[in-house]
PDB file of N, CA and C in Angstrom:
ATOM      1  N   MET A   1     -71.488 -44.816-235.835  1.00  0.00           N
ATOM      2  CA  MET A   1     -71.025 -45.557-237.282  1.00  0.00           C
ATOM      3  C   MET A   1     -71.921 -46.926-236.868  1.00  0.00           C
ATOM      4  N   ASN A   2     -72.188 -46.893-238.171  1.00  0.00           N
ATOM      5  CA  ASN A   2     -73.141 -48.296-238.298  1.00  0.00           C
ATOM      6  C   ASN A   2     -72.440 -49.168-238.054  1.00  0.00           C
ATOM      7  N   LYS A   3     -73.120 -50.922-237.995  1.00  0.00           N
ATOM      8  CA  LYS A   3     -72.572 -51.923-237.571  1.00  0.00           C
ATOM      9  C   LYS A   3     -71.939 -52.394-238.854  1.00  0.00           C
ATOM     10  N   GLU A   4     -72.202 -52.138-240.198  1.00  0.00           N
ATOM     11  CA  GLU A   4     -71.634 -52.393-241.319  1.00  0.00           C
ATOM     12  C   GLU A   4     -70.095 -51.900-241.323  1.00  0.00           C
ATOM     13  N   ILE A   5     -69.550 -50.556-241.271  1.00  0.00           N
ATOM     14  CA  ILE A   5     -68.343 -49.909-241.441  1.00  0.00           C
ATOM     15  C   ILE A   5     -67.800 -50.458-240.645  1.00  0.00           C
ATOM     16  N   LYS A   6     -68.296 -50.381-238.822  1.00  0.00           N
ATOM     17  CA  LYS A   6     -67.611 -51.251-237.761  1.00  0.00           C
ATOM     18  C   LYS A   6     -67.133 -52.598-238.180  1.00  0.00           C
ATOM     19  N   GLN A   7     -67.997 -53.658-238.621  1.00  0.00           N
ATOM     20  CA  GLN A   7     -67.576 -54.901-239.381  1.00  0.00           C
ATOM     21  C   GLN A   7     -66.395 -54.890-240.210  1.00  0.00           C
ATOM     22  N   LYS A   8     -66.435 -53.826-241.077  1.00  0.00           N
ATOM     23  CA  LYS A   8     -65.695 -53.710-242.168  1.00  0.00           C
ATOM     24  C   LYS A   8     -64.192 -52.870-241.590  1.00  0.00           C
ATOM     25  N   ILE A   9     -64.328 -52.227-240.553  1.00  0.00           N
ATOM     26  CA  ILE A   9     -62.860 -51.854-240.279  1.00  0.00           C
ATOM     27  C   ILE A   9     -62.172 -52.648-239.444  1.00  0.00           C
ATOM     28  N   ILE A  10     -62.747 -53.371-238.501  1.00  0.00           N
ATOM     29  CA  ILE A  10     -62.251 -54.623-237.838  1.00  0.00           C
ATOM     30  C   ILE A  10     -61.810 -56.054-238.930  1.00  0.00           C
ATOM     31  N   GLN A  11     -62.342 -55.924-239.832  1.00  0.00           N
ATOM     32  CA  GLN A  11     -62.127 -56.848-240.837  1.00  0.00           C
ATOM     33  C   GLN A  11     -60.643 -56.665-241.733  1.00  0.00           C
ATOM     34  N   VAL A  12     -60.380 -55.235-242.029  1.00  0.00           N
ATOM     35  CA  VAL A  12     -59.751 -54.826-242.702  1.00  0.00           C
ATOM     36  C   VAL A  12     -58.465 -54.785-241.535  1.00  0.00           C
ATOM     37  N   CYS A  13     -58.549 -54.347-240.604  1.00  0.00           N
ATOM     38  CA  CYS A  13     -57.881 -54.493-239.371  1.00  0.00           C
ATOM     39  C   CYS A  13     -57.081 -55.855-239.321  1.00  0.00           C
ATOM     40  N   ASP A  14     -58.153 -56.837-239.257  1.00  0.00           N
ATOM     41  CA  ASP A  14     -57.196 -58.160-238.942  1.00  0.00           C
ATOM     42  C   ASP A  14     -56.741 -58.552-240.128  1.00  0.00           C
ATOM     43  N   GLU A  15     -57.171 -58.143-241.323  1.00  0.00           N
ATOM     44  CA  GLU A  15     -56.409 -58.822-242.512  1.00  0.00           C
ATOM     45  C   GLU A  15     -55.034 -58.204-242.597  1.00  0.00           C
ATOM     46  N   LYS A  16     -54.870 -57.010-242.218  1.00  0.00           N
ATOM     47  CA  LYS A  16     -53.709 -56.259-242.087  1.00  0.00           C
ATOM     48  C   LYS A  16     -52.571 -56.952-241.208  1.00  0.00           C
ATOM     49  N   ILE A  17     -53.334 -56.900-239.828  1.00  0.00           N
ATOM     50  CA  ILE A  17     -52.314 -57.564-238.787  1.00  0.00           C
ATOM     51  C   ILE A  17     -52.149 -59.319-239.238  1.00  0.00           C
ATOM     52  N   ALA A  18     -53.015 -59.644-239.965  1.00  0.00           N
ATOM     53  CA  ALA A  18     -52.568 -61.108-240.432  1.00  0.00           C
ATOM     54  C   ALA A  18     -51.794 -60.996-241.319  1.00  0.00           C
ATOM     55  N   LYS A  19     -51.225 -60.208-242.240  1.00  0.00           N
ATOM     56  CA  LYS A  19     -50.344 -60.141-243.672  1.00  0.00           C
ATOM     57  C   LYS A  19     -49.014 -59.489-242.919  1.00  0.00           C
ATOM     58  N   LYS A  20     -49.300 -58.741-242.049  1.00  0.00           N
ATOM     59  CA  LYS A  20     -47.874 -57.810-241.754  1.00  0.00           C
ATOM     60  C   LYS A  20     -47.246 -57.725-240.320  1.00  0.00           C
ATOM     61  N   GLY A  21     -48.478 -58.187-239.668  1.00  0.00           N
ATOM     62  CA  GLY A  21     -48.217 -58.299-238.201  1.00  0.00           C
ATOM     63  C   GLY A  21     -48.694 -56.955-237.449  1.00  0.00           C
ATOM     64  N   GLU A  22     -48.550 -57.407-235.725  1.00  0.00           N
ATOM     65  CA  GLU A  22     -49.195 -56.195-235.037  1.00  0.00           C
ATOM     66  C   GLU A  22     -48.698 -55.145-235.202  1.00  0.00           C
ATOM     67  N   LYS A  23     -47.407 -54.653-235.777  1.00  0.00           N
ATOM     68  CA  LYS A  23     -47.216 -53.219-235.918  1.00  0.00           C
ATOM     69  C   LYS A  23     -47.552 -52.554-237.120  1.00  0.00           C
ATOM     70  N   VAL A  24     -48.732 -53.542-237.894  1.00  0.00           N
ATOM     71  CA  VAL A  24     -49.014 -52.642-239.271  1.00  0.00           C
ATOM     72  C   VAL A  24     -49.859 -51.100-238.789  1.00  0.00           C
ATOM     73  N   GLY A  25     -49.065 -50.444-239.777  1.00  0.00           N
ATOM     74  CA  GLY A  25     -50.544 -49.101-239.665  1.00  0.00           C
ATOM     75  C   GLY A  25     -51.389 -49.106-240.841  1.00  0.00           C
ATOM     76  N   LEU A  26     -52.117 -48.427-240.528  1.00  0.00           N
ATOM     77  CA  LEU A  26     -53.089 -47.940-241.610  1.00  0.00           C
ATOM     78  C   LEU A  26     -53.571 -46.676-241.476  1.00  0.00           C
ATOM     79  N   SER A  27     -54.897 -45.994-242.486  1.00  0.00           N
ATOM     80  CA  SER A  27     -55.238 -44.708-242.554  1.00  0.00           C
ATOM     81  C   SER A  27     -56.622 -45.049-242.595  1.00  0.00           C
ATOM     82  N   PHE A  28     -57.488 -44.412-242.686  1.00  0.00           N
ATOM     83  CA  PHE A  28     -59.191 -44.749-242.575  1.00  0.00           C
ATOM     84  C   PHE A  28     -59.487 -44.720-244.134  1.00  0.00           C
ATOM     85  N   TYR A  29     -58.659 -44.367-244.862  1.00  0.00           N
ATOM     86  CA  TYR A  29     -58.702 -44.871-246.431  1.00  0.00           C
ATOM     87  C   TYR A  29     -58.497 -45.915-246.585  1.00  0.00           C
ATOM     88  N   ALA A  30     -58.246 -46.829-245.932  1.00  0.00           N
ATOM     89  CA  ALA A  30     -58.145 -48.307-245.954  1.00  0.00           C
ATOM     90  C   ALA A  30     -59.502 -49.036-245.965  1.00  0.00           C
ATOM     91  N   PHE A  31     -60.342 -48.583-245.435  1.00  0.00           N
ATOM     92  CA  PHE A  31     -61.965 -48.841-245.392  1.00  0.00           C
ATOM     93  C   PHE A  31     -62.420 -48.676-246.333  1.00  0.00           C
ATOM     94  N   PHE A  32     -61.986 -48.077-247.480  1.00  0.00           N
ATOM     95  CA  PHE A  32     -62.732 -47.693-248.510  1.00  0.00           C
ATOM     96  C   PHE A  32     -62.404 -48.192-249.955  1.00  0.00           C
ATOM     97  N   LYS A  33     -63.037 -48.442-250.986  1.00  0.00           N
ATOM     98  CA  LYS A  33     -62.355 -48.372-252.505  1.00  0.00           C
ATOM     99  C   LYS A  33     -61.902 -47.090-252.903  1.00  0.00           C
ATOM    100  N   ASN A  34     -61.160 -47.392-253.804  1.00  0.00           N
ATOM    101  CA  ASN A  34     -60.555 -46.259-254.486  1.00  0.00           C
ATOM    102  C   ASN A  34     -61.570 -45.166-255.228  1.00  0.00           C
ATOM    103  N   LYS A  35     -62.536 -46.060-255.607  1.00  0.00           N
ATOM    104  CA  LYS A  35     -63.434 -45.139-255.891  1.00  0.00           C
ATOM    105  C   LYS A  35     -64.740 -45.108-255.067  1.00  0.00           C
ATOM    106  N   ASN A  36     -64.563 -43.672-254.438  1.00  0.00           N
ATOM    107  CA  ASN A  36     -65.535 -43.510-253.095  1.00  0.00           C
ATOM    108  C   ASN A  36     -67.184 -43.550-253.816  1.00  0.00           C
ATOM    109  N   GLU A  37     -67.868 -44.382-252.919  1.00  0.00           N
ATOM    110  CA  GLU A  37     -69.125 -44.668-253.473  1.00  0.00           C
ATOM    111  C   GLU A  37     -70.040 -44.343-252.403  1.00  0.00           C
ATOM    112  N   ASN A  38     -69.702 -43.734-251.282  1.00  0.00           N
ATOM    113  CA  ASN A  38     -70.519 -43.312-250.174  1.00  0.00           C
ATOM    114  C   ASN A  38     -69.730 -42.008-249.486  1.00  0.00           C
ATOM    115  N   PRO A  39     -69.984 -41.149-249.908  1.00  0.00           N
ATOM    116  CA  PRO A  39     -68.970 -39.872-249.333  1.00  0.00           C
ATOM    117  C   PRO A  39     -69.512 -39.721-247.887  1.00  0.00           C
ATOM    118  N   LYS A  40     -70.974 -39.947-247.716  1.00  0.00           N
ATOM    119  CA  LYS A  40     -71.071 -39.487-246.453  1.00  0.00           C
ATOM    120  C   LYS A  40     -70.738 -40.370-245.129  1.00  0.00           C
ATOM    121  N   LEU A  41     -70.371 -41.509-245.592  1.00  0.00           N
ATOM    122  CA  LEU A  41     -69.991 -42.404-244.619  1.00  0.00           C
ATOM    123  C   LEU A  41     -68.226 -42.224-244.483  1.00  0.00           C
ATOM    124  N   LEU A  42     -67.788 -42.043-245.485  1.00  0.00           N
ATOM    125  CA  LEU A  42     -66.199 -41.606-245.688  1.00  0.00           C
ATOM    126  C   LEU A  42     -66.454 -40.483-244.686  1.00  0.00           C
ATOM    127  N   MET A  43     -66.979 -39.530-244.708  1.00  0.00           N
ATOM    128  CA  MET A  43     -66.783 -38.224-244.094  1.00  0.00           C
ATOM    129  C   MET A  43     -67.146 -38.666-242.676  1.00  0.00           C
ATOM    130  N   GLU A  44     -67.914 -39.558-242.173  1.00  0.00           N
ATOM    131  CA  GLU A  44     -68.521 -40.125-240.695  1.00  0.00           C
ATOM    132  C   GLU A  44     -67.080 -40.890-240.163  1.00  0.00           C
ATOM    133  N   VAL A  45     -66.607 -41.706-240.912  1.00  0.00           N
ATOM    134  CA  VAL A  45     -65.357 -42.185-240.411  1.00  0.00           C
ATOM    135  C   VAL A  45     -64.029 -41.471-240.254  1.00  0.00           C
ATOM    136  N   ALA A  46     -63.764 -40.423-241.268  1.00  0.00           N
ATOM    137  CA  ALA A  46     -62.779 -39.603-241.240  1.00  0.00           C
ATOM    138  C   ALA A  46     -63.164 -38.247-240.163  1.00  0.00           C
ATOM    139  N   THR A  47     -64.426 -38.030-239.715  1.00  0.00           N
ATOM    140  CA  THR A  47     -64.796 -37.076-238.466  1.00  0.00           C
ATOM    141  C   THR A  47     -64.133 -37.743-237.370  1.00  0.00           C
ATOM    142  N   TRP A  48     -64.518 -39.377-236.968  1.00  0.00           N
ATOM    143  CA  TRP A  48     -64.239 -40.126-236.200  1.00  0.00           C
ATOM    144  C   TRP A  48     -62.862 -40.269-236.090  1.00  0.00           C
ATOM    145  N   TRP A  49     -62.085 -40.586-236.870  1.00  0.00           N
ATOM    146  CA  TRP A  49     -60.734 -40.457-236.700  1.00  0.00           C
ATOM    147  C   TRP A  49     -60.056 -39.127-236.616  1.00  0.00           C
ATOM    148  N   ILE A  50     -60.362 -38.113-237.084  1.00  0.00           N
ATOM    149  CA  ILE A  50     -59.308 -36.974-237.219  1.00  0.00           C
ATOM    150  C   ILE A  50     -59.993 -36.013-236.101  1.00  0.00           C
ATOM    151  N   GLU A  51     -61.195 -35.638-235.934  1.00  0.00           N
ATOM    152  CA  GLU A  51     -61.847 -34.561-235.313  1.00  0.00           C
ATOM    153  C   GLU A  51     -62.143 -35.097-233.704  1.00  0.00           C
ATOM    154  N   THR A  52     -62.843 -36.195-233.782  1.00  0.00           N
ATOM    155  CA  THR A  52     -63.045 -37.061-232.698  1.00  0.00           C
ATOM    156  C   THR A  52     -61.739 -37.388-231.883  1.00  0.00           C
ATOM    157  N   HIS A  53     -60.983 -37.969-232.308  1.00  0.00           N
ATOM    158  CA  HIS A  53     -59.844 -38.868-231.612  1.00  0.00           C
ATOM    159  C   HIS A  53     -58.571 -38.001-232.144  1.00  0.00           C
ATOM    160  N   GLN A  54     -58.542 -37.124-233.066  1.00  0.00           N
ATOM    161  CA  GLN A  54     -57.157 -36.348-233.295  1.00  0.00           C
ATOM    162  C   GLN A  54     -56.431 -37.576-233.343  1.00  0.00           C
ATOM    163  N   LEU A  55     -56.695 -38.487-233.967  1.00  0.00           N
ATOM    164  CA  LEU A  55     -55.544 -39.484-234.558  1.00  0.00           C
ATOM    165  C   LEU A  55     -54.445 -39.008-236.013  1.00  0.00           C
ATOM    166  N   ASP A  56     -53.391 -39.704-235.970  1.00  0.00           N
ATOM    167  CA  ASP A  56     -52.710 -39.454-236.886  1.00  0.00           C
ATOM    168  C   ASP A  56     -52.702 -39.804-238.287  1.00  0.00           C
ATOM    169  N   HIS A  57     -52.422 -39.752-239.190  1.00  0.00           N
ATOM    170  CA  HIS A  57     -52.724 -40.170-240.480  1.00  0.00           C
ATOM    171  C   HIS A  57     -52.770 -41.864-240.485  1.00  0.00           C
ATOM    172  N   PHE A  58     -51.667 -42.158-240.191  1.00  0.00           N
ATOM    173  CA  PHE A  58     -51.401 -43.778-240.139  1.00  0.00           C
ATOM    174  C   PHE A  58     -51.460 -44.022-238.576  1.00  0.00           C
ATOM    175  N   GLU A  59     -52.351 -45.154-238.176  1.00  0.00           N
ATOM    176  CA  GLU A  59     -52.307 -45.504-236.611  1.00  0.00           C
ATOM    177  C   GLU A  59     -51.851 -47.085-236.477  1.00  0.00           C
ATOM    178  N   LYS A  60     -51.439 -47.402-235.762  1.00  0.00           N
ATOM    179  CA  LYS A  60     -51.666 -49.261-236.053  1.00  0.00           C
ATOM    180  C   LYS A  60     -52.795 -49.772-235.914  1.00  0.00           C
ATOM    181  N   ALA A  61     -53.326 -50.568-236.436  1.00  0.00           N
ATOM    182  CA  ALA A  61     -54.332 -51.570-236.776  1.00  0.00           C
ATOM    183  C   ALA A  61     -55.180 -51.979-235.915  1.00  0.00           C
ATOM    184  N   ILE A  62     -54.114 -52.411-235.087  1.00  0.00           N
ATOM    185  CA  ILE A  62     -54.557 -52.882-233.695  1.00  0.00           C
ATOM    186  C   ILE A  62     -55.037 -51.990-232.526  1.00  0.00           C
ATOM    187  N   LYS A  63     -54.453 -50.898-232.611  1.00  0.00           N
ATOM    188  CA  LYS A  63     -55.093 -49.786-231.579  1.00  0.00           C
ATOM    189  C   LYS A  63     -56.761 -49.293-232.224  1.00  0.00           C
ATOM    190  N   ILE A  64     -56.722 -49.167-233.746  1.00  0.00           N
ATOM    191  CA  ILE A  64     -58.058 -48.790-234.285  1.00  0.00           C
ATOM    192  C   ILE A  64     -58.985 -49.912-233.874  1.00  0.00           C
ATOM    193  N   LYS A  65     -58.700 -51.433-234.342  1.00  0.00           N
ATOM    194  CA  LYS A  65     -59.563 -52.503-233.993  1.00  0.00           C
ATOM    195  C   LYS A  65     -60.093 -52.352-232.301  1.00  0.00           C
ATOM    196  N   LYS A  66     -59.623 -51.996-231.743  1.00  0.00           N
ATOM    197  CA  LYS A  66     -59.589 -52.149-230.067  1.00  0.00           C
ATOM    198  C   LYS A  66     -60.757 -50.823-230.071  1.00  0.00           C
ATOM    199  N   MET A  67     -60.217 -49.690-230.393  1.00  0.00           N
ATOM    200  CA  MET A  67     -60.831 -48.643-230.270  1.00  0.00           C
ATOM    201  C   MET A  67     -62.480 -48.593-231.240  1.00  0.00           C
ATOM    202  N   ILE A  68     -62.848 -49.229-232.277  1.00  0.00           N
ATOM    203  CA  ILE A  68     -63.920 -49.428-232.929  1.00  0.00           C
ATOM    204  C   ILE A  68     -65.012 -50.598-232.097  1.00  0.00           C
ATOM    205  N   LYS A  69     -64.172 -51.137-231.578  1.00  0.00           N
ATOM    206  CA  LYS A  69     -65.360 -52.274-230.560  1.00  0.00           C
ATOM    207  C   LYS A  69     -65.670 -51.786-229.903  1.00  0.00           C
ATOM    208  N   ASN A  70     -64.927 -50.297-229.185  1.00  0.00           N
ATOM    209  CA  ASN A  70     -65.707 -49.854-228.293  1.00  0.00           C
ATOM    210  C   ASN A  70     -66.601 -48.835-228.517  1.00  0.00           C
ATOM    211  N   VAL A  71     -66.942 -48.524-229.505  1.00  0.00           N
ATOM    212  CA  VAL A  71     -67.621 -47.664-230.166  1.00  0.00           C
ATOM    213  C   VAL A  71     -69.230 -48.147-230.320  1.00  0.00           C
ATOM    214  N   ASN A  72     -69.898 -47.476-229.698  1.00  0.00           N
ATOM    215  CA  ASN A  72     -71.611 -47.699-229.378  1.00  0.00           C
ATOM    216  C   ASN A  72     -72.204 -47.210-230.100  1.00  0.00           C
TER     217      ASN A  72
END
């Protein structure tokens, strides 16, 4: 994943945690606008989420933030 999407994921996780607490869940769609402007990037994140890590549709934001920080 590129640096920009990693930063966006961390930002969204931080915002969700700040608003709803550390138990808040989210899906990978939370990192994209309703109008998909970058299908290739969406598929990259979806692949990371679904195929690579076999995550559920909704996961704790704090978990995703920690995982993204460990992506090379």
